[in-house]
């Protein structure tokens, strides 16, 4: 996610979410599953051309299947996505292929 940290707090500049869909079901991730509707964008997924049904278990293209959707598709989302205070702790999620960064 893209965030801005300034003198008055923190806010999200994307205005949306980006989630993996591999193996997605309503039971596992109901909010993400229900966010997939008109206005969301699916990437690298396989679907039935007759029915439009998506096969979230199909990895024939790639396992890196994704969906992008607006924050407003999530119930109880804070819109605009901002806080009026500063964080006490920040955790950066990284891909450290060489094991240089210490674990949390």
PDB file of N, CA and C in Angstrom:
ATOM      1  N   UNK A   1       0.827  -1.187   0.000  1.00  0.00           N
ATOM      2  CA  UNK A   1       0.000   0.000   0.000  1.00  0.00           C
ATOM      3  C   UNK A   1       0.872   1.251   0.000  1.00  0.00           C
ATOM      4  N   UNK A   2       0.342   2.283  -0.578  1.00  0.00           N
ATOM      5  CA  UNK A   2       1.046   3.562  -0.639  1.00  0.00           C
ATOM      6  C   UNK A   2       0.458   4.492   0.413  1.00  0.00           C
ATOM      7  N   UNK A   3       1.304   4.951   1.337  1.00  0.00           N
ATOM      8  CA  UNK A   3       0.861   5.828   2.415  1.00  0.00           C
ATOM      9  C   UNK A   3       1.720   7.080   2.458  1.00  0.00           C
ATOM     10  N   UNK A   4       1.159   8.127   3.010  1.00  0.00           N
ATOM     11  CA  UNK A   4       1.887   9.375   3.228  1.00  0.00           C
ATOM     12  C   UNK A   4       1.875   9.663   4.719  1.00  0.00           C
ATOM     13  N   UNK A   5       3.040  10.003   5.256  1.00  0.00           N
ATOM     14  CA  UNK A   5       3.170  10.366   6.660  1.00  0.00           C
ATOM     15  C   UNK A   5       3.587  11.829   6.687  1.00  0.00           C
ATOM     16  N   UNK A   6       2.764  12.674   7.276  1.00  0.00           N
ATOM     17  CA  UNK A   6       3.039  14.105   7.306  1.00  0.00           C
ATOM     18  C   UNK A   6       2.789  14.645   8.708  1.00  0.00           C
ATOM     19  N   UNK A   7       2.889  15.926   8.873  1.00  0.00           N
ATOM     20  CA  UNK A   7       2.805  16.549  10.198  1.00  0.00           C
ATOM     21  C   UNK A   7       1.483  16.293  10.916  1.00  0.00           C
ATOM     22  N   UNK A   8       0.400  16.055  10.187  1.00  0.00           N
ATOM     23  CA  UNK A   8      -0.911  15.860  10.812  1.00  0.00           C
ATOM     24  C   UNK A   8      -1.345  14.402  10.907  1.00  0.00           C
ATOM     25  N   UNK A   9      -0.521  13.467  10.472  1.00  0.00           N
ATOM     26  CA  UNK A   9      -0.886  12.060  10.574  1.00  0.00           C
ATOM     27  C   UNK A   9      -0.505  11.256   9.346  1.00  0.00           C
ATOM     28  N   UNK A  10      -1.254  10.173   9.098  1.00  0.00           N
ATOM     29  CA  UNK A  10      -0.959   9.237   8.019  1.00  0.00           C
ATOM     30  C   UNK A  10      -2.216   9.029   7.175  1.00  0.00           C
ATOM     31  N   UNK A  11      -2.041   8.915   5.854  1.00  0.00           N
ATOM     32  CA  UNK A  11      -3.181   8.572   5.020  1.00  0.00           C
ATOM     33  C   UNK A  11      -2.752   7.708   3.844  1.00  0.00           C
ATOM     34  N   UNK A  12      -3.712   6.980   3.291  1.00  0.00           N
ATOM     35  CA  UNK A  12      -3.504   6.088   2.165  1.00  0.00           C
ATOM     36  C   UNK A  12      -3.807   6.844   0.882  1.00  0.00           C
ATOM     37  N   UNK A  13      -2.904   6.783  -0.091  1.00  0.00           N
ATOM     38  CA  UNK A  13      -3.127   7.521  -1.336  1.00  0.00           C
ATOM     39  C   UNK A  13      -3.663   6.643  -2.457  1.00  0.00           C
ATOM     40  N   UNK A  14      -3.780   5.345  -2.230  1.00  0.00           N
ATOM     41  CA  UNK A  14      -4.273   4.462  -3.284  1.00  0.00           C
ATOM     42  C   UNK A  14      -5.788   4.517  -3.415  1.00  0.00           C
ATOM     43  N   UNK A  15      -6.476   4.605  -2.300  1.00  0.00           N
ATOM     44  CA  UNK A  15      -7.932   4.605  -2.335  1.00  0.00           C
ATOM     45  C   UNK A  15      -8.518   3.244  -2.647  1.00  0.00           C
ATOM     46  N   UNK A  16      -7.702   2.212  -2.515  1.00  0.00           N
ATOM     47  CA  UNK A  16      -8.194   0.882  -2.819  1.00  0.00           C
ATOM     48  C   UNK A  16      -7.365  -0.209  -2.189  1.00  0.00           C
ATOM     49  N   UNK A  17      -7.685  -1.430  -2.552  1.00  0.00           N
ATOM     50  CA  UNK A  17      -7.012  -2.609  -2.021  1.00  0.00           C
ATOM     51  C   UNK A  17      -6.554  -3.489  -3.174  1.00  0.00           C
ATOM     52  N   UNK A  18      -5.543  -4.303  -2.903  1.00  0.00           N
ATOM     53  CA  UNK A  18      -4.969  -5.200  -3.895  1.00  0.00           C
ATOM     54  C   UNK A  18      -4.706  -6.507  -3.171  1.00  0.00           C
ATOM     55  N   UNK A  19      -5.429  -7.576  -3.510  1.00  0.00           N
ATOM     56  CA  UNK A  19      -5.350  -8.820  -2.763  1.00  0.00           C
ATOM     57  C   UNK A  19      -5.094 -10.014  -3.673  1.00  0.00           C
ATOM     58  N   UNK A  20      -4.426 -11.029  -3.118  1.00  0.00           N
ATOM     59  CA  UNK A  20      -4.253 -12.291  -3.833  1.00  0.00           C
ATOM     60  C   UNK A  20      -5.591 -13.017  -3.872  1.00  0.00           C
ATOM     61  N   UNK A  21      -5.837 -13.734  -4.986  1.00  0.00           N
ATOM     62  CA  UNK A  21      -7.096 -14.468  -5.096  1.00  0.00           C
ATOM     63  C   UNK A  21      -6.906 -15.980  -5.204  1.00  0.00           C
ATOM     64  N   UNK A  22      -5.676 -16.465  -5.221  1.00  0.00           N
ATOM     65  CA  UNK A  22      -5.450 -17.901  -5.366  1.00  0.00           C
ATOM     66  C   UNK A  22      -6.130 -18.651  -4.210  1.00  0.00           C
ATOM     67  N   UNK A  23      -6.990 -19.594  -4.555  1.00  0.00           N
ATOM     68  CA  UNK A  23      -7.708 -20.372  -3.540  1.00  0.00           C
ATOM     69  C   UNK A  23      -8.782 -19.597  -2.804  1.00  0.00           C
ATOM     70  N   UNK A  24      -9.175 -18.450  -3.331  1.00  0.00           N
ATOM     71  CA  UNK A  24     -10.143 -17.592  -2.643  1.00  0.00           C
ATOM     72  C   UNK A  24     -11.517 -18.247  -2.560  1.00  0.00           C
ATOM     73  N   UNK A  25     -12.114 -18.175  -1.383  1.00  0.00           N
ATOM     74  CA  UNK A  25     -13.499 -18.609  -1.173  1.00  0.00           C
ATOM     75  C   UNK A  25     -14.166 -17.604  -0.239  1.00  0.00           C
ATOM     76  N   UNK A  26     -15.478 -17.590  -0.249  1.00  0.00           N
ATOM     77  CA  UNK A  26     -16.216 -16.705   0.658  1.00  0.00           C
ATOM     78  C   UNK A  26     -15.952 -17.102   2.112  1.00  0.00           C
ATOM     79  N   UNK A  27     -15.795 -18.396   2.365  1.00  0.00           N
ATOM     80  CA  UNK A  27     -15.553 -18.867   3.732  1.00  0.00           C
ATOM     81  C   UNK A  27     -14.212 -18.385   4.273  1.00  0.00           C
ATOM     82  N   UNK A  28     -13.171 -18.382   3.429  1.00  0.00           N
ATOM     83  CA  UNK A  28     -11.832 -17.970   3.866  1.00  0.00           C
ATOM     84  C   UNK A  28     -11.707 -16.452   4.015  1.00  0.00           C
ATOM     85  N   UNK A  29     -12.202 -15.721   3.035  1.00  0.00           N
ATOM     86  CA  UNK A  29     -12.038 -14.258   2.992  1.00  0.00           C
ATOM     87  C   UNK A  29     -13.335 -13.606   2.518  1.00  0.00           C
ATOM     88  N   UNK A  30     -14.349 -13.547   3.373  1.00  0.00           N
ATOM     89  CA  UNK A  30     -15.647 -13.034   2.919  1.00  0.00           C
ATOM     90  C   UNK A  30     -15.627 -11.594   2.415  1.00  0.00           C
ATOM     91  N   UNK A  31     -14.865 -10.718   3.042  1.00  0.00           N
ATOM     92  CA  UNK A  31     -14.857  -9.321   2.605  1.00  0.00           C
ATOM     93  C   UNK A  31     -14.207  -9.164   1.236  1.00  0.00           C
ATOM     94  N   UNK A  32     -13.109  -9.871   1.007  1.00  0.00           N
ATOM     95  CA  UNK A  32     -12.455  -9.801  -0.302  1.00  0.00           C
ATOM     96  C   UNK A  32     -13.349 -10.440  -1.362  1.00  0.00           C
ATOM     97  N   UNK A  33     -13.895 -11.614  -1.061  1.00  0.00           N
ATOM     98  CA  UNK A  33     -14.756 -12.312  -2.012  1.00  0.00           C
ATOM     99  C   UNK A  33     -15.939 -11.432  -2.416  1.00  0.00           C
ATOM    100  N   UNK A  34     -16.575 -10.795  -1.450  1.00  0.00           N
ATOM    101  CA  UNK A  34     -17.740  -9.959  -1.737  1.00  0.00           C
ATOM    102  C   UNK A  34     -17.372  -8.635  -2.405  1.00  0.00           C
ATOM    103  N   UNK A  35     -16.096  -8.250  -2.332  1.00  0.00           N
ATOM    104  CA  UNK A  35     -15.652  -7.013  -2.989  1.00  0.00           C
ATOM    105  C   UNK A  35     -15.473  -7.207  -4.493  1.00  0.00           C
ATOM    106  N   UNK A  36     -15.453  -8.453  -4.938  1.00  0.00           N
ATOM    107  CA  UNK A  36     -15.280  -8.728  -6.366  1.00  0.00           C
ATOM    108  C   UNK A  36     -16.632  -8.589  -7.049  1.00  0.00           C
ATOM    109  N   UNK A  37     -16.808  -7.432  -7.657  1.00  0.00           N
ATOM    110  CA  UNK A  37     -18.053  -7.104  -8.359  1.00  0.00           C
ATOM    111  C   UNK A  37     -17.725  -5.999  -9.364  1.00  0.00           C
ATOM    112  N   UNK A  38     -18.751  -5.463 -10.034  1.00  0.00           N
ATOM    113  CA  UNK A  38     -18.520  -4.414 -11.017  1.00  0.00           C
ATOM    114  C   UNK A  38     -17.720  -3.282 -10.367  1.00  0.00           C
ATOM    115  N   UNK A  39     -16.618  -2.909 -10.973  1.00  0.00           N
ATOM    116  CA  UNK A  39     -15.748  -1.879 -10.427  1.00  0.00           C
ATOM    117  C   UNK A  39     -14.452  -2.442  -9.886  1.00  0.00           C
ATOM    118  N   UNK A  40     -14.369  -3.753  -9.707  1.00  0.00           N
ATOM    119  CA  UNK A  40     -13.111  -4.383  -9.299  1.00  0.00           C
ATOM    120  C   UNK A  40     -12.415  -4.926 -10.546  1.00  0.00           C
ATOM    121  N   UNK A  41     -11.124  -5.174 -10.427  1.00  0.00           N
ATOM    122  CA  UNK A  41     -10.338  -5.649 -11.563  1.00  0.00           C
ATOM    123  C   UNK A  41      -9.621  -6.934 -11.152  1.00  0.00           C
ATOM    124  N   UNK A  42      -9.867  -8.008 -11.897  1.00  0.00           N
ATOM    125  CA  UNK A  42      -9.194  -9.287 -11.667  1.00  0.00           C
ATOM    126  C   UNK A  42      -7.998  -9.402 -12.603  1.00  0.00           C
ATOM    127  N   UNK A  43      -6.882  -9.955 -12.081  1.00  0.00           N
ATOM    128  CA  UNK A  43      -5.674 -10.132 -12.882  1.00  0.00           C
ATOM    129  C   UNK A  43      -5.253 -11.597 -12.874  1.00  0.00           C
ATOM    130  N   UNK A  44      -4.896 -12.116 -14.024  1.00  0.00           N
ATOM    131  CA  UNK A  44      -4.316 -13.453 -14.173  1.00  0.00           C
ATOM    132  C   UNK A  44      -5.219 -14.588 -13.720  1.00  0.00           C
ATOM    133  N   UNK A  45      -6.514 -14.404 -13.752  1.00  0.00           N
ATOM    134  CA  UNK A  45      -7.428 -15.464 -13.345  1.00  0.00           C
ATOM    135  C   UNK A  45      -7.998 -16.178 -14.571  1.00  0.00           C
ATOM    136  N   UNK A  46      -8.425 -17.415 -14.364  1.00  0.00           N
ATOM    137  CA  UNK A  46      -9.066 -18.197 -15.405  1.00  0.00           C
ATOM    138  C   UNK A  46     -10.562 -18.185 -15.130  1.00  0.00           C
ATOM    139  N   UNK A  47     -11.351 -17.987 -16.165  1.00  0.00           N
ATOM    140  CA  UNK A  47     -12.800 -17.960 -15.984  1.00  0.00           C
ATOM    141  C   UNK A  47     -13.481 -18.707 -17.126  1.00  0.00           C
ATOM    142  N   UNK A  48     -14.693 -19.147 -16.858  1.00  0.00           N
ATOM    143  CA  UNK A  48     -15.505 -19.834 -17.848  1.00  0.00           C
ATOM    144  C   UNK A  48     -16.097 -18.785 -18.786  1.00  0.00           C
ATOM    145  N   UNK A  49     -15.792 -18.895 -20.067  1.00  0.00           N
ATOM    146  CA  UNK A  49     -16.249 -17.888 -21.033  1.00  0.00           C
ATOM    147  C   UNK A  49     -17.761 -17.899 -21.222  1.00  0.00           C
ATOM    148  N   UNK A  50     -18.413 -18.998 -20.944  1.00  0.00           N
ATOM    149  CA  UNK A  50     -19.868 -19.085 -21.082  1.00  0.00           C
ATOM    150  C   UNK A  50     -20.591 -18.438 -19.908  1.00  0.00           C
ATOM    151  N   UNK A  51     -20.117 -18.724 -18.678  1.00  0.00           N
ATOM    152  CA  UNK A  51     -20.826 -18.259 -17.479  1.00  0.00           C
ATOM    153  C   UNK A  51     -20.176 -17.058 -16.816  1.00  0.00           C
ATOM    154  N   UNK A  52     -18.883 -16.839 -17.100  1.00  0.00           N
ATOM    155  CA  UNK A  52     -18.146 -15.770 -16.430  1.00  0.00           C
ATOM    156  C   UNK A  52     -17.655 -16.161 -15.051  1.00  0.00           C
ATOM    157  N   UNK A  53     -17.921 -17.408 -14.611  1.00  0.00           N
ATOM    158  CA  UNK A  53     -17.487 -17.869 -13.285  1.00  0.00           C
ATOM    159  C   UNK A  53     -15.970 -17.987 -13.247  1.00  0.00           C
ATOM    160  N   UNK A  54     -15.366 -17.429 -12.194  1.00  0.00           N
ATOM    161  CA  UNK A  54     -13.917 -17.458 -12.031  1.00  0.00           C
ATOM    162  C   UNK A  54     -13.515 -18.705 -11.257  1.00  0.00           C
ATOM    163  N   UNK A  55     -12.435 -19.354 -11.705  1.00  0.00           N
ATOM    164  CA  UNK A  55     -11.872 -20.515 -11.013  1.00  0.00           C
ATOM    165  C   UNK A  55     -10.658 -20.038 -10.227  1.00  0.00           C
ATOM    166  N   UNK A  56     -10.854 -19.739  -8.953  1.00  0.00           N
ATOM    167  CA  UNK A  56      -9.774 -19.193  -8.123  1.00  0.00           C
ATOM    168  C   UNK A  56      -8.719 -20.228  -7.754  1.00  0.00           C
ATOM    169  N   UNK A  57      -8.967 -21.492  -8.067  1.00  0.00           N
ATOM    170  CA  UNK A  57      -7.988 -22.543  -7.790  1.00  0.00           C
ATOM    171  C   UNK A  57      -7.114 -22.857  -8.998  1.00  0.00           C
ATOM    172  N   UNK A  58      -7.446 -22.317 -10.151  1.00  0.00           N
ATOM    173  CA  UNK A  58      -6.706 -22.608 -11.371  1.00  0.00           C
ATOM    174  C   UNK A  58      -5.404 -21.806 -11.401  1.00  0.00           C
ATOM    175  N   UNK A  59      -4.268 -22.519 -11.496  1.00  0.00           N
ATOM    176  CA  UNK A  59      -2.953 -21.871 -11.516  1.00  0.00           C
ATOM    177  C   UNK A  59      -2.264 -22.062 -12.873  1.00  0.00           C
ATOM    178  N   UNK A  60      -3.048 -22.332 -13.929  1.00  0.00           N
ATOM    179  CA  UNK A  60      -2.455 -22.595 -15.237  1.00  0.00           C
ATOM    180  C   UNK A  60      -1.747 -21.376 -15.827  1.00  0.00           C
ATOM    181  N   UNK A  61      -2.155 -20.176 -15.449  1.00  0.00           N
ATOM    182  CA  UNK A  61      -1.474 -18.955 -15.909  1.00  0.00           C
ATOM    183  C   UNK A  61      -0.347 -18.613 -14.940  1.00  0.00           C
ATOM    184  N   UNK A  62      -0.694 -18.522 -13.664  1.00  0.00           N
ATOM    185  CA  UNK A  62       0.258 -18.195 -12.601  1.00  0.00           C
ATOM    186  C   UNK A  62      -0.438 -18.361 -11.258  1.00  0.00           C
ATOM    187  N   UNK A  63       0.349 -18.496 -10.198  1.00  0.00           N
ATOM    188  CA  UNK A  63      -0.235 -18.490  -8.855  1.00  0.00           C
ATOM    189  C   UNK A  63      -0.424 -17.065  -8.350  1.00  0.00           C
ATOM    190  N   UNK A  64       0.095 -16.110  -9.102  1.00  0.00           N
ATOM    191  CA  UNK A  64       0.013 -14.704  -8.714  1.00  0.00           C
ATOM    192  C   UNK A  64      -1.260 -14.076  -9.283  1.00  0.00           C
ATOM    193  N   UNK A  65      -2.417 -14.561  -8.806  1.00  0.00           N
ATOM    194  CA  UNK A  65      -3.700 -14.003  -9.231  1.00  0.00           C
ATOM    195  C   UNK A  65      -4.110 -12.926  -8.239  1.00  0.00           C
ATOM    196  N   UNK A  66      -4.691 -11.855  -8.724  1.00  0.00           N
ATOM    197  CA  UNK A  66      -4.984 -10.699  -7.875  1.00  0.00           C
ATOM    198  C   UNK A  66      -6.332 -10.075  -8.200  1.00  0.00           C
ATOM    199  N   UNK A  67      -6.806  -9.277  -7.254  1.00  0.00           N
ATOM    200  CA  UNK A  67      -7.968  -8.432  -7.481  1.00  0.00           C
ATOM    201  C   UNK A  67      -7.660  -7.053  -6.903  1.00  0.00           C
ATOM    202  N   UNK A  68      -8.060  -6.024  -7.616  1.00  0.00           N
ATOM    203  CA  UNK A  68      -7.969  -4.648  -7.123  1.00  0.00           C
ATOM    204  C   UNK A  68      -9.397  -4.126  -7.009  1.00  0.00           C
ATOM    205  N   UNK A  69      -9.686  -3.431  -5.897  1.00  0.00           N
ATOM    206  CA  UNK A  69     -11.040  -2.927  -5.675  1.00  0.00           C
ATOM    207  C   UNK A  69     -10.983  -1.689  -4.787  1.00  0.00           C
ATOM    208  N   UNK A  70     -11.980  -0.825  -4.907  1.00  0.00           N
ATOM    209  CA  UNK A  70     -12.003   0.388  -4.089  1.00  0.00           C
ATOM    210  C   UNK A  70     -12.269   0.083  -2.618  1.00  0.00           C
ATOM    211  N   UNK A  71     -11.741   0.921  -1.745  1.00  0.00           N
ATOM    212  CA  UNK A  71     -11.983   0.764  -0.301  1.00  0.00           C
ATOM    213  C   UNK A  71     -13.466   0.743   0.036  1.00  0.00           C
ATOM    214  N   UNK A  72     -14.264   1.474  -0.721  1.00  0.00           N
ATOM    215  CA  UNK A  72     -15.693   1.544  -0.412  1.00  0.00           C
ATOM    216  C   UNK A  72     -16.395   0.203  -0.579  1.00  0.00           C
ATOM    217  N   UNK A  73     -15.746  -0.786  -1.197  1.00  0.00           N
ATOM    218  CA  UNK A  73     -16.329  -2.116  -1.328  1.00  0.00           C
ATOM    219  C   UNK A  73     -16.176  -2.943  -0.049  1.00  0.00           C
ATOM    220  N   UNK A  74     -15.451  -2.431   0.931  1.00  0.00           N
ATOM    221  CA  UNK A  74     -15.240  -3.135   2.192  1.00  0.00           C
ATOM    222  C   UNK A  74     -16.127  -2.512   3.269  1.00  0.00           C
ATOM    223  N   UNK A  75     -16.973  -3.330   3.910  1.00  0.00           N
ATOM    224  CA  UNK A  75     -17.827  -2.783   4.979  1.00  0.00           C
ATOM    225  C   UNK A  75     -16.970  -2.198   6.103  1.00  0.00           C
ATOM    226  N   UNK A  76     -17.402  -1.121   6.657  1.00  0.00           N
ATOM    227  CA  UNK A  76     -16.725  -0.460   7.785  1.00  0.00           C
ATOM    228  C   UNK A  76     -15.343   0.094   7.449  1.00  0.00           C
ATOM    229  N   UNK A  77     -15.028   0.266   6.168  1.00  0.00           N
ATOM    230  CA  UNK A  77     -13.739   0.862   5.798  1.00  0.00           C
ATOM    231  C   UNK A  77     -13.721   2.319   6.230  1.00  0.00           C
ATOM    232  N   UNK A  78     -12.575   2.765   6.693  1.00  0.00           N
ATOM    233  CA  UNK A  78     -12.401   4.165   7.077  1.00  0.00           C
ATOM    234  C   UNK A  78     -12.133   4.966   5.806  1.00  0.00           C
ATOM    235  N   UNK A  79     -13.099   5.800   5.419  1.00  0.00           N
ATOM    236  CA  UNK A  79     -12.975   6.604   4.197  1.00  0.00           C
ATOM    237  C   UNK A  79     -13.202   8.067   4.549  1.00  0.00           C
ATOM    238  N   UNK A  80     -12.250   8.956   4.269  1.00  0.00           N
ATOM    239  CA  UNK A  80     -10.959   8.658   3.678  1.00  0.00           C
ATOM    240  C   UNK A  80     -10.073   7.880   4.651  1.00  0.00           C
ATOM    241  N   UNK A  81      -9.135   7.122   4.080  1.00  0.00           N
ATOM    242  CA  UNK A  81      -8.248   6.258   4.869  1.00  0.00           C
ATOM    243  C   UNK A  81      -7.128   7.098   5.474  1.00  0.00           C
ATOM    244  N   UNK A  82      -7.436   7.702   6.621  1.00  0.00           N
ATOM    245  CA  UNK A  82      -6.433   8.551   7.272  1.00  0.00           C
ATOM    246  C   UNK A  82      -6.605   8.494   8.781  1.00  0.00           C
ATOM    247  N   UNK A  83      -5.566   8.869   9.488  1.00  0.00           N
ATOM    248  CA  UNK A  83      -5.619   9.001  10.940  1.00  0.00           C
ATOM    249  C   UNK A  83      -5.076  10.369  11.306  1.00  0.00           C
ATOM    250  N   UNK A  84      -5.572  10.909  12.381  1.00  0.00           N
ATOM    251  CA  UNK A  84      -5.155  12.242  12.837  1.00  0.00           C
ATOM    252  C   UNK A  84      -4.070  12.152  13.907  1.00  0.00           C
ATOM    253  N   UNK A  85      -3.362  11.031  13.964  1.00  0.00           N
ATOM    254  CA  UNK A  85      -2.277  10.884  14.923  1.00  0.00           C
ATOM    255  C   UNK A  85      -1.101  10.171  14.264  1.00  0.00           C
ATOM    256  N   UNK A  86       0.004  10.125  14.963  1.00  0.00           N
ATOM    257  CA  UNK A  86       1.202   9.485  14.433  1.00  0.00           C
ATOM    258  C   UNK A  86       1.343   8.081  14.995  1.00  0.00           C
ATOM    259  N   UNK A  87       1.826   7.147  14.190  1.00  0.00           N
ATOM    260  CA  UNK A  87       2.008   5.781  14.688  1.00  0.00           C
ATOM    261  C   UNK A  87       3.121   5.719  15.729  1.00  0.00           C
ATOM    262  N   UNK A  88       2.964   4.811  16.680  1.00  0.00           N
ATOM    263  CA  UNK A  88       4.009   4.581  17.679  1.00  0.00           C
ATOM    264  C   UNK A  88       5.029   3.574  17.173  1.00  0.00           C
ATOM    265  N   UNK A  89       4.590   2.675  16.280  1.00  0.00           N
ATOM    266  CA  UNK A  89       5.469   1.660  15.708  1.00  0.00           C
ATOM    267  C   UNK A  89       5.174   1.539  14.219  1.00  0.00           C
ATOM    268  N   UNK A  90       6.210   1.243  13.449  1.00  0.00           N
ATOM    269  CA  UNK A  90       6.059   1.019  12.019  1.00  0.00           C
ATOM    270  C   UNK A  90       6.742  -0.299  11.680  1.00  0.00           C
ATOM    271  N   UNK A  91       6.052  -1.147  10.954  1.00  0.00           N
ATOM    272  CA  UNK A  91       6.621  -2.412  10.505  1.00  0.00           C
ATOM    273  C   UNK A  91       6.624  -2.389   8.984  1.00  0.00           C
ATOM    274  N   UNK A  92       7.794  -2.591   8.398  1.00  0.00           N
ATOM    275  CA  UNK A  92       7.922  -2.633   6.949  1.00  0.00           C
ATOM    276  C   UNK A  92       8.006  -4.092   6.518  1.00  0.00           C
ATOM    277  N   UNK A  93       7.096  -4.509   5.669  1.00  0.00           N
ATOM    278  CA  UNK A  93       7.136  -5.862   5.127  1.00  0.00           C
ATOM    279  C   UNK A  93       8.023  -5.836   3.894  1.00  0.00           C
ATOM    280  N   UNK A  94       9.038  -6.677   3.897  1.00  0.00           N
ATOM    281  CA  UNK A  94       9.986  -6.682   2.792  1.00  0.00           C
ATOM    282  C   UNK A  94      10.234  -8.106   2.312  1.00  0.00           C
ATOM    283  N   UNK A  95      10.796  -8.209   1.150  1.00  0.00           N
ATOM    284  CA  UNK A  95      11.262  -9.479   0.628  1.00  0.00           C
ATOM    285  C   UNK A  95      12.781  -9.422   0.681  1.00  0.00           C
ATOM    286  N   UNK A  96      13.356 -10.065   1.676  1.00  0.00           N
ATOM    287  CA  UNK A  96      14.799 -10.020   1.904  1.00  0.00           C
ATOM    288  C   UNK A  96      15.423 -11.340   1.441  1.00  0.00           C
ATOM    289  N   UNK A  97      15.762 -11.426   0.170  1.00  0.00           N
ATOM    290  CA  UNK A  97      16.275 -12.664  -0.409  1.00  0.00           C
ATOM    291  C   UNK A  97      17.636 -13.077   0.151  1.00  0.00           C
ATOM    292  N   UNK A  98      18.360 -12.150   0.754  1.00  0.00           N
ATOM    293  CA  UNK A  98      19.716 -12.451   1.221  1.00  0.00           C
ATOM    294  C   UNK A  98      19.825 -12.557   2.736  1.00  0.00           C
ATOM    295  N   UNK A  99      18.728 -12.381   3.473  1.00  0.00           N
ATOM    296  CA  UNK A  99      18.747 -12.530   4.925  1.00  0.00           C
ATOM    297  C   UNK A  99      19.534 -11.450   5.638  1.00  0.00           C
ATOM    298  N   UNK A 100      19.561 -10.259   5.084  1.00  0.00           N
ATOM    299  CA  UNK A 100      20.319  -9.157   5.679  1.00  0.00           C
ATOM    300  C   UNK A 100      19.525  -8.431   6.768  1.00  0.00           C
ATOM    301  N   UNK A 101      18.226  -8.261   6.547  1.00  0.00           N
ATOM    302  CA  UNK A 101      17.394  -7.545   7.509  1.00  0.00           C
ATOM    303  C   UNK A 101      17.067  -8.441   8.696  1.00  0.00           C
ATOM    304  N   UNK A 102      17.125  -7.910   9.900  1.00  0.00           N
ATOM    305  CA  UNK A 102      16.807  -8.745  11.069  1.00  0.00           C
ATOM    306  C   UNK A 102      15.309  -9.022  11.145  1.00  0.00           C
ATOM    307  N   UNK A 103      14.916 -10.204  11.622  1.00  0.00           N
ATOM    308  CA  UNK A 103      13.486 -10.507  11.769  1.00  0.00           C
ATOM    309  C   UNK A 103      12.885  -9.715  12.908  1.00  0.00           C
ATOM    310  N   UNK A 104      11.564  -9.524  12.867  1.00  0.00           N
ATOM    311  CA  UNK A 104      10.872  -8.821  13.961  1.00  0.00           C
ATOM    312  C   UNK A 104      10.603  -9.796  15.081  1.00  0.00           C
TER     313      UNK A 104
END
